[in-house]
């Protein structure tokens, strides 16, 4: 899913959010379950999904020194018509709260008869001079879905990406 400017309601300090192409080639086995991840560097991202799962040139183009990469996976769905969207992002001291909406097709909707794995990737700018915030994921009713801290890779000596 791509975002256009204005697709995300931002509350709190003024922050620009950037969409990320979801067709990065990530491993479908990691997206088969509902999941929420936050990556603080490229190595953490590549170690989580597997080096061979991503188009490394696209990952290298993301500035993960200035941004966190948020990955939201709805999980394996039996048909088309499912989607994931972000309703709002609220930045506060020490935390980022993301309100997520998982949509399902209606009973009379015409959908693709193929399994799908709706996912959404989003870059969230880092705030200078602060520690890594806790990322809190909530549904539209405010129920807690997950809490995550950014994942950083453990680099082997002389590791290059």
C-alpha atoms as a PDB file:
ATOM      1  CA  UNK A   1       0.000   0.000   0.000  1.00  0.00           C
ATOM      2  CA  UNK A   2       1.286   3.448  -0.856  1.00  0.00           C
ATOM      3  CA  UNK A   3       0.564   6.642   1.042  1.00  0.00           C
ATOM      4  CA  UNK A   4      -0.051  10.022  -0.477  1.00  0.00           C
ATOM      5  CA  UNK A   5       0.528  13.224   1.517  1.00  0.00           C
ATOM      6  CA  UNK A   6      -2.366  13.661   3.897  1.00  0.00           C
ATOM      7  CA  UNK A   7      -3.207   9.948   4.114  1.00  0.00           C
ATOM      8  CA  UNK A   8      -1.988   9.820   7.709  1.00  0.00           C
ATOM      9  CA  UNK A   9      -3.360  12.075  10.412  1.00  0.00           C
ATOM     10  CA  UNK A  10      -0.435  13.180  12.524  1.00  0.00           C
ATOM     11  CA  UNK A  11      -0.983  14.390  16.049  1.00  0.00           C
ATOM     12  CA  UNK A  12       1.653  16.096  18.167  1.00  0.00           C
ATOM     13  CA  UNK A  13       4.885  17.566  16.807  1.00  0.00           C
ATOM     14  CA  UNK A  14       5.014  18.216  13.085  1.00  0.00           C
ATOM     15  CA  UNK A  15       6.495  15.154  11.419  1.00  0.00           C
ATOM     16  CA  UNK A  16       6.672  14.030   7.795  1.00  0.00           C
ATOM     17  CA  UNK A  17       6.001  10.359   7.149  1.00  0.00           C
ATOM     18  CA  UNK A  18       7.247   8.654   4.033  1.00  0.00           C
ATOM     19  CA  UNK A  19       5.713   5.671   2.279  1.00  0.00           C
ATOM     20  CA  UNK A  20       7.875   2.713   1.393  1.00  0.00           C
ATOM     21  CA  UNK A  21       7.262   0.436  -1.563  1.00  0.00           C
ATOM     22  CA  UNK A  22       5.815  -2.788  -0.108  1.00  0.00           C
ATOM     23  CA  UNK A  23       7.020  -4.766  -3.093  1.00  0.00           C
ATOM     24  CA  UNK A  24      10.478  -5.056  -1.615  1.00  0.00           C
ATOM     25  CA  UNK A  25      10.441  -8.817  -2.123  1.00  0.00           C
ATOM     26  CA  UNK A  26      10.163  -9.764   1.533  1.00  0.00           C
ATOM     27  CA  UNK A  27       9.705 -13.363   2.569  1.00  0.00           C
ATOM     28  CA  UNK A  28       6.049 -14.373   2.658  1.00  0.00           C
ATOM     29  CA  UNK A  29       6.598 -16.756   5.567  1.00  0.00           C
ATOM     30  CA  UNK A  30       7.345 -13.729   7.781  1.00  0.00           C
ATOM     31  CA  UNK A  31       4.125 -12.025   6.595  1.00  0.00           C
ATOM     32  CA  UNK A  32       1.893 -15.084   7.077  1.00  0.00           C
ATOM     33  CA  UNK A  33       1.066 -14.114  10.671  1.00  0.00           C
ATOM     34  CA  UNK A  34      -0.242 -10.770  11.929  1.00  0.00           C
ATOM     35  CA  UNK A  35       2.912  -8.965  12.919  1.00  0.00           C
ATOM     36  CA  UNK A  36       4.264  -5.558  13.870  1.00  0.00           C
ATOM     37  CA  UNK A  37       7.973  -4.753  13.517  1.00  0.00           C
ATOM     38  CA  UNK A  38      10.121  -1.640  13.868  1.00  0.00           C
ATOM     39  CA  UNK A  39      13.640  -1.622  12.443  1.00  0.00           C
ATOM     40  CA  UNK A  40      16.366   0.791  13.503  1.00  0.00           C
ATOM     41  CA  UNK A  41      18.913  -0.192  10.865  1.00  0.00           C
ATOM     42  CA  UNK A  42      19.326  -2.135   7.627  1.00  0.00           C
ATOM     43  CA  UNK A  43      21.047  -5.043   9.281  1.00  0.00           C
ATOM     44  CA  UNK A  44      18.127  -5.598  11.683  1.00  0.00           C
ATOM     45  CA  UNK A  45      15.711  -5.559   8.740  1.00  0.00           C
ATOM     46  CA  UNK A  46      17.791  -7.972   6.662  1.00  0.00           C
ATOM     47  CA  UNK A  47      18.400 -10.307   9.594  1.00  0.00           C
ATOM     48  CA  UNK A  48      14.675 -10.458  10.396  1.00  0.00           C
ATOM     49  CA  UNK A  49      13.469 -11.212   6.865  1.00  0.00           C
ATOM     50  CA  UNK A  50      16.614 -12.831   5.484  1.00  0.00           C
ATOM     51  CA  UNK A  51      19.192 -11.221   3.235  1.00  0.00           C
ATOM     52  CA  UNK A  52      17.859 -12.950   0.125  1.00  0.00           C
ATOM     53  CA  UNK A  53      14.273 -11.744   0.742  1.00  0.00           C
ATOM     54  CA  UNK A  54      14.818  -8.103  -0.186  1.00  0.00           C
ATOM     55  CA  UNK A  55      15.971  -6.111  -3.138  1.00  0.00           C
ATOM     56  CA  UNK A  56      19.075  -4.824  -1.350  1.00  0.00           C
ATOM     57  CA  UNK A  57      19.293  -1.739  -3.599  1.00  0.00           C
ATOM     58  CA  UNK A  58      15.820  -0.632  -2.444  1.00  0.00           C
ATOM     59  CA  UNK A  59      16.716  -1.224   1.198  1.00  0.00           C
ATOM     60  CA  UNK A  60      19.951   0.740   0.729  1.00  0.00           C
ATOM     61  CA  UNK A  61      17.925   3.670  -0.678  1.00  0.00           C
ATOM     62  CA  UNK A  62      16.001   4.024   2.606  1.00  0.00           C
ATOM     63  CA  UNK A  63      17.760   6.353   5.031  1.00  0.00           C
ATOM     64  CA  UNK A  64      17.562   4.239   8.169  1.00  0.00           C
ATOM     65  CA  UNK A  65      20.047   6.515   9.913  1.00  0.00           C
ATOM     66  CA  UNK A  66      17.338   9.203  10.009  1.00  0.00           C
ATOM     67  CA  UNK A  67      14.224   7.014  10.036  1.00  0.00           C
ATOM     68  CA  UNK A  68      12.710   3.915  11.614  1.00  0.00           C
ATOM     69  CA  UNK A  69      11.100   1.420   9.256  1.00  0.00           C
ATOM     70  CA  UNK A  70       7.728   0.196  10.530  1.00  0.00           C
ATOM     71  CA  UNK A  71       6.352  -3.037   9.034  1.00  0.00           C
ATOM     72  CA  UNK A  72       2.741  -4.078   9.633  1.00  0.00           C
ATOM     73  CA  UNK A  73       1.514  -7.432   8.299  1.00  0.00           C
ATOM     74  CA  UNK A  74      -2.147  -8.436   8.423  1.00  0.00           C
ATOM     75  CA  UNK A  75      -1.233 -12.076   8.010  1.00  0.00           C
ATOM     76  CA  UNK A  76      -2.302 -14.686   5.486  1.00  0.00           C
ATOM     77  CA  UNK A  77      -5.831 -13.947   4.211  1.00  0.00           C
ATOM     78  CA  UNK A  78      -8.008 -16.444   2.304  1.00  0.00           C
ATOM     79  CA  UNK A  79      -8.984 -14.045  -0.530  1.00  0.00           C
ATOM     80  CA  UNK A  80      -8.395 -10.560  -1.871  1.00  0.00           C
ATOM     81  CA  UNK A  81     -10.267  -7.617  -0.394  1.00  0.00           C
ATOM     82  CA  UNK A  82      -8.274  -7.486   2.842  1.00  0.00           C
ATOM     83  CA  UNK A  83      -6.099  -4.481   3.562  1.00  0.00           C
ATOM     84  CA  UNK A  84      -4.174  -2.689   6.277  1.00  0.00           C
ATOM     85  CA  UNK A  85      -4.071   1.072   6.734  1.00  0.00           C
ATOM     86  CA  UNK A  86      -2.753   3.546   9.261  1.00  0.00           C
ATOM     87  CA  UNK A  87      -5.397   5.865  10.697  1.00  0.00           C
ATOM     88  CA  UNK A  88      -3.081   8.074  12.755  1.00  0.00           C
ATOM     89  CA  UNK A  89       0.424   8.428  14.119  1.00  0.00           C
ATOM     90  CA  UNK A  90       0.936  10.241  17.403  1.00  0.00           C
ATOM     91  CA  UNK A  91       4.419  11.208  18.525  1.00  0.00           C
ATOM     92  CA  UNK A  92       5.059  11.899  22.202  1.00  0.00           C
ATOM     93  CA  UNK A  93       8.148  11.956  24.393  1.00  0.00           C
ATOM     94  CA  UNK A  94       9.470   8.398  24.419  1.00  0.00           C
ATOM     95  CA  UNK A  95       6.711   6.843  22.311  1.00  0.00           C
ATOM     96  CA  UNK A  96       5.092   6.675  18.896  1.00  0.00           C
ATOM     97  CA  UNK A  97       1.477   5.482  18.824  1.00  0.00           C
ATOM     98  CA  UNK A  98       0.217   4.116  15.525  1.00  0.00           C
ATOM     99  CA  UNK A  99      -3.489   3.466  15.028  1.00  0.00           C
ATOM    100  CA  UNK A 100      -3.970   0.620  12.568  1.00  0.00           C
ATOM    101  CA  UNK A 101      -7.091  -0.458  10.709  1.00  0.00           C
ATOM    102  CA  UNK A 102      -7.292  -3.990   9.346  1.00  0.00           C
ATOM    103  CA  UNK A 103     -10.102  -4.226   6.795  1.00  0.00           C
ATOM    104  CA  UNK A 104     -11.930  -7.317   5.557  1.00  0.00           C
ATOM    105  CA  UNK A 105     -14.152  -7.666   2.502  1.00  0.00           C
ATOM    106  CA  UNK A 106     -17.883  -7.551   3.019  1.00  0.00           C
ATOM    107  CA  UNK A 107     -20.016 -10.680   2.563  1.00  0.00           C
ATOM    108  CA  UNK A 108     -21.258  -9.526  -0.864  1.00  0.00           C
ATOM    109  CA  UNK A 109     -17.950  -8.060  -2.108  1.00  0.00           C
ATOM    110  CA  UNK A 110     -16.438  -9.562  -5.232  1.00  0.00           C
ATOM    111  CA  UNK A 111     -12.851 -10.498  -4.411  1.00  0.00           C
ATOM    112  CA  UNK A 112      -9.890 -12.256  -5.964  1.00  0.00           C
ATOM    113  CA  UNK A 113      -9.904 -15.950  -5.131  1.00  0.00           C
ATOM    114  CA  UNK A 114      -6.286 -16.116  -4.086  1.00  0.00           C
ATOM    115  CA  UNK A 115      -4.531 -16.013  -0.736  1.00  0.00           C
ATOM    116  CA  UNK A 116      -3.076 -12.596   0.055  1.00  0.00           C
ATOM    117  CA  UNK A 117      -0.750 -11.154   2.686  1.00  0.00           C
ATOM    118  CA  UNK A 118      -1.617  -7.459   3.078  1.00  0.00           C
ATOM    119  CA  UNK A 119       1.366  -5.529   4.414  1.00  0.00           C
ATOM    120  CA  UNK A 120       2.319  -1.932   4.928  1.00  0.00           C
ATOM    121  CA  UNK A 121       5.786  -0.383   5.322  1.00  0.00           C
ATOM    122  CA  UNK A 122       6.270   3.136   6.647  1.00  0.00           C
ATOM    123  CA  UNK A 123       9.292   5.311   7.455  1.00  0.00           C
ATOM    124  CA  UNK A 124       8.983   7.276  10.699  1.00  0.00           C
ATOM    125  CA  UNK A 125      11.556  10.055  11.184  1.00  0.00           C
ATOM    126  CA  UNK A 126      13.847   9.838  14.189  1.00  0.00           C
ATOM    127  CA  UNK A 127      13.954  12.718  16.639  1.00  0.00           C
ATOM    128  CA  UNK A 128      17.479  13.967  17.235  1.00  0.00           C
ATOM    129  CA  UNK A 129      18.957  13.662  20.667  1.00  0.00           C
ATOM    130  CA  UNK A 130      16.395  11.195  22.008  1.00  0.00           C
ATOM    131  CA  UNK A 131      16.499   7.513  22.818  1.00  0.00           C
ATOM    132  CA  UNK A 132      14.671   5.011  20.654  1.00  0.00           C
ATOM    133  CA  UNK A 133      10.966   5.406  21.376  1.00  0.00           C
ATOM    134  CA  UNK A 134       8.542   2.610  22.165  1.00  0.00           C
ATOM    135  CA  UNK A 135       6.181   1.984  19.247  1.00  0.00           C
ATOM    136  CA  UNK A 136       2.633   1.279  20.387  1.00  0.00           C
ATOM    137  CA  UNK A 137       0.155  -0.197  17.916  1.00  0.00           C
ATOM    138  CA  UNK A 138      -3.581   0.203  18.620  1.00  0.00           C
ATOM    139  CA  UNK A 139      -6.742  -0.597  16.699  1.00  0.00           C
ATOM    140  CA  UNK A 140      -9.383   2.038  15.863  1.00  0.00           C
ATOM    141  CA  UNK A 141     -11.189   1.383  19.162  1.00  0.00           C
ATOM    142  CA  UNK A 142      -7.966   1.967  21.103  1.00  0.00           C
ATOM    143  CA  UNK A 143      -7.256  -1.655  22.034  1.00  0.00           C
ATOM    144  CA  UNK A 144      -3.567  -2.495  22.318  1.00  0.00           C
ATOM    145  CA  UNK A 145      -2.338  -4.662  19.429  1.00  0.00           C
ATOM    146  CA  UNK A 146       1.400  -4.660  20.140  1.00  0.00           C
ATOM    147  CA  UNK A 147       4.304  -2.759  21.661  1.00  0.00           C
ATOM    148  CA  UNK A 148       7.690  -2.840  19.974  1.00  0.00           C
ATOM    149  CA  UNK A 149      11.112  -1.314  20.403  1.00  0.00           C
ATOM    150  CA  UNK A 150      13.233  -0.787  17.266  1.00  0.00           C
ATOM    151  CA  UNK A 151      15.279  -3.837  16.279  1.00  0.00           C
ATOM    152  CA  UNK A 152      18.942  -3.329  15.480  1.00  0.00           C
ATOM    153  CA  UNK A 153      21.096  -5.950  13.783  1.00  0.00           C
ATOM    154  CA  UNK A 154      24.053  -7.582  15.390  1.00  0.00           C
ATOM    155  CA  UNK A 155      26.826  -7.007  12.897  1.00  0.00           C
ATOM    156  CA  UNK A 156      29.504  -9.594  12.368  1.00  0.00           C
ATOM    157  CA  UNK A 157      33.032  -8.193  12.066  1.00  0.00           C
ATOM    158  CA  UNK A 158      33.484  -6.510   8.686  1.00  0.00           C
ATOM    159  CA  UNK A 159      29.798  -7.026   7.780  1.00  0.00           C
ATOM    160  CA  UNK A 160      28.704  -4.901   4.851  1.00  0.00           C
ATOM    161  CA  UNK A 161      25.270  -4.209   3.448  1.00  0.00           C
END
